[in-house]
Amino acid sequence: MDNSRKAIYVNVTNLLHEIGIPAHIVGHDYIRHAIVSACENPALLKNITKHLYVKVAIYYDTSVYSVEKGIRNAIEVAWARGDISAIHSVFGNTVHFQRAKPSNKEFIAMIVDVVRTQMMD
């Protein structure tokens, strides 16, 4: 793993833990891999089902459906049990806790944006 990818990986892992996605759930690994991949190639966000989920599914030798479900579950766990102030610091006013959690694509895209911005500093 080169230094740039390692820095992204560590940054994403820290963000996921900060907002409340525990490392022991399968979706944690899926969402981390998806975010790191999208940080390196933002074009993957254009159609996450046909590109990003497939890439993650191949890496983990699982189905696209399992990847989508695992990521959705990870987001649901963060929304139900995560640190609200940490979530707010990442997502700002783009989400409202009483309304609904973000979609998988919204969540991944927002984290990618945060990580890419942090890497520019």
Protein backbone atom coordinates (compact mmCIF):
# COMPACT_ATOMS: atom_id res chain seq x y z
CA MET A 1 0.00 0.00 0.00
CA ASP A 2 1.55 3.30 -1.05
CA ASN A 3 1.71 6.25 1.36
CA SER A 4 -1.14 8.16 -0.28
CA ARG A 5 -3.51 5.19 -0.15
CA LYS A 6 -2.44 4.42 3.41
CA ALA A 7 -3.16 8.01 4.48
CA ILE A 8 -6.62 7.84 2.88
CA TYR A 9 -7.27 4.45 4.49
CA VAL A 10 -6.30 5.69 7.96
CA ASN A 11 -8.29 8.90 7.55
CA VAL A 12 -11.41 7.03 6.41
CA THR A 13 -11.10 4.47 9.20
CA ASN A 14 -10.82 7.21 11.81
CA LEU A 15 -13.84 9.05 10.39
CA LEU A 16 -15.96 5.91 10.38
CA HIS A 17 -15.08 5.14 13.98
CA GLU A 18 -15.65 8.74 15.01
CA ILE A 19 -19.18 8.81 13.64
CA GLY A 20 -20.03 5.45 15.14
CA ILE A 21 -19.57 2.69 12.60
CA PRO A 22 -18.02 -0.15 14.60
CA ALA A 23 -15.23 -2.20 13.07
CA HIS A 24 -16.87 -5.54 13.84
CA ILE A 25 -19.73 -5.21 11.36
CA VAL A 26 -19.20 -6.39 7.80
CA GLY A 27 -20.48 -3.14 6.37
CA HIS A 28 -17.57 -1.30 7.98
CA ASP A 29 -15.08 -3.01 5.70
CA TYR A 30 -17.31 -2.61 2.66
CA ILE A 31 -17.95 1.08 3.22
CA ARG A 32 -14.29 1.77 3.98
CA HIS A 33 -13.18 0.04 0.78
CA ALA A 34 -15.86 1.90 -1.19
CA ILE A 35 -14.82 5.27 0.21
CA VAL A 36 -11.10 4.68 -0.33
CA SER A 37 -11.77 3.54 -3.90
CA ALA A 38 -13.97 6.57 -4.58
CA CYS A 39 -11.34 8.90 -3.11
CA GLU A 40 -8.86 7.52 -5.60
CA ASN A 41 -11.35 7.49 -8.48
CA PRO A 42 -14.33 9.84 -7.95
CA ALA A 43 -15.87 8.65 -11.23
CA LEU A 44 -16.94 5.52 -9.34
CA LEU A 45 -19.59 7.67 -7.63
CA LYS A 46 -21.44 8.25 -10.89
CA ASN A 47 -23.13 4.86 -10.71
CA ILE A 48 -22.34 3.16 -7.45
CA THR A 49 -24.40 0.04 -8.14
CA LYS A 50 -22.70 -0.83 -11.41
CA HIS A 51 -19.19 0.33 -10.58
CA LEU A 52 -18.39 0.90 -6.92
CA TYR A 53 -20.38 -1.97 -5.41
CA VAL A 54 -19.03 -4.34 -8.06
CA LYS A 55 -15.45 -3.33 -7.24
CA VAL A 56 -16.05 -3.94 -3.52
CA ALA A 57 -17.90 -7.21 -4.16
CA ILE A 58 -15.04 -8.55 -6.27
CA TYR A 59 -12.49 -7.56 -3.63
CA TYR A 60 -14.43 -9.30 -0.84
CA ASP A 61 -15.64 -12.19 -3.02
CA THR A 62 -19.28 -11.51 -2.28
CA SER A 63 -22.39 -10.29 -4.08
CA VAL A 64 -23.24 -6.73 -5.02
CA TYR A 65 -26.42 -7.14 -2.97
CA SER A 66 -24.39 -8.08 0.13
CA VAL A 67 -22.20 -5.02 -0.34
CA GLU A 68 -25.20 -2.70 -0.70
CA LYS A 69 -26.93 -4.25 2.31
CA GLY A 70 -23.78 -4.17 4.46
CA ILE A 71 -23.16 -0.52 3.67
CA ARG A 72 -26.80 0.35 4.36
CA ASN A 73 -26.59 -1.48 7.68
CA ALA A 74 -23.40 0.37 8.65
CA ILE A 75 -25.08 3.71 7.97
CA GLU A 76 -28.15 2.65 9.95
CA VAL A 77 -25.96 1.68 12.91
CA ALA A 78 -24.20 5.05 12.80
CA TRP A 79 -27.53 6.86 12.65
CA ALA A 80 -29.03 4.84 15.50
CA ARG A 81 -26.06 4.63 17.86
CA GLY A 82 -23.41 7.01 16.54
CA ASP A 83 -22.06 10.23 17.95
CA ILE A 84 -24.53 12.89 16.84
CA SER A 85 -22.04 15.73 17.20
CA ALA A 86 -19.45 13.85 15.13
CA ILE A 87 -22.04 13.05 12.47
CA HIS A 88 -23.08 16.69 12.42
CA SER A 89 -19.46 17.84 12.10
CA VAL A 90 -19.06 15.66 9.00
CA PHE A 91 -22.47 16.13 7.40
CA GLY A 92 -23.35 19.60 8.67
CA ASN A 93 -26.79 20.75 7.64
CA THR A 94 -27.03 18.34 4.73
CA VAL A 95 -28.88 15.81 6.88
CA HIS A 96 -31.51 16.06 9.59
CA PHE A 97 -31.62 13.32 12.23
CA GLN A 98 -35.37 13.34 12.73
CA ARG A 99 -36.09 13.01 9.02
CA ALA A 100 -33.97 10.25 7.59
CA LYS A 101 -30.50 8.87 7.22
CA PRO A 102 -28.64 9.62 4.00
CA SER A 103 -28.67 7.16 1.14
CA ASN A 104 -25.60 5.00 0.63
CA LYS A 105 -24.51 7.22 -2.24
CA GLU A 106 -25.02 10.44 -0.25
CA PHE A 107 -23.10 9.04 2.71
CA ILE A 108 -20.18 7.76 0.64
CA ALA A 109 -19.99 10.94 -1.46
CA MET A 110 -19.98 13.16 1.62
CA ILE A 111 -17.22 11.17 3.32
CA VAL A 112 -15.22 11.14 0.08
CA ASP A 113 -15.56 14.91 -0.13
CA VAL A 114 -14.44 15.36 3.48
CA VAL A 115 -11.45 13.05 3.07
CA ARG A 116 -10.35 14.59 -0.23
CA THR A 117 -10.62 18.07 1.29
CA GLN A 118 -8.59 17.03 4.34
CA MET A 119 -5.93 15.50 2.12
CA MET A 120 -5.48 18.85 0.35
CA ASP A 121 -4.47 20.59 3.58
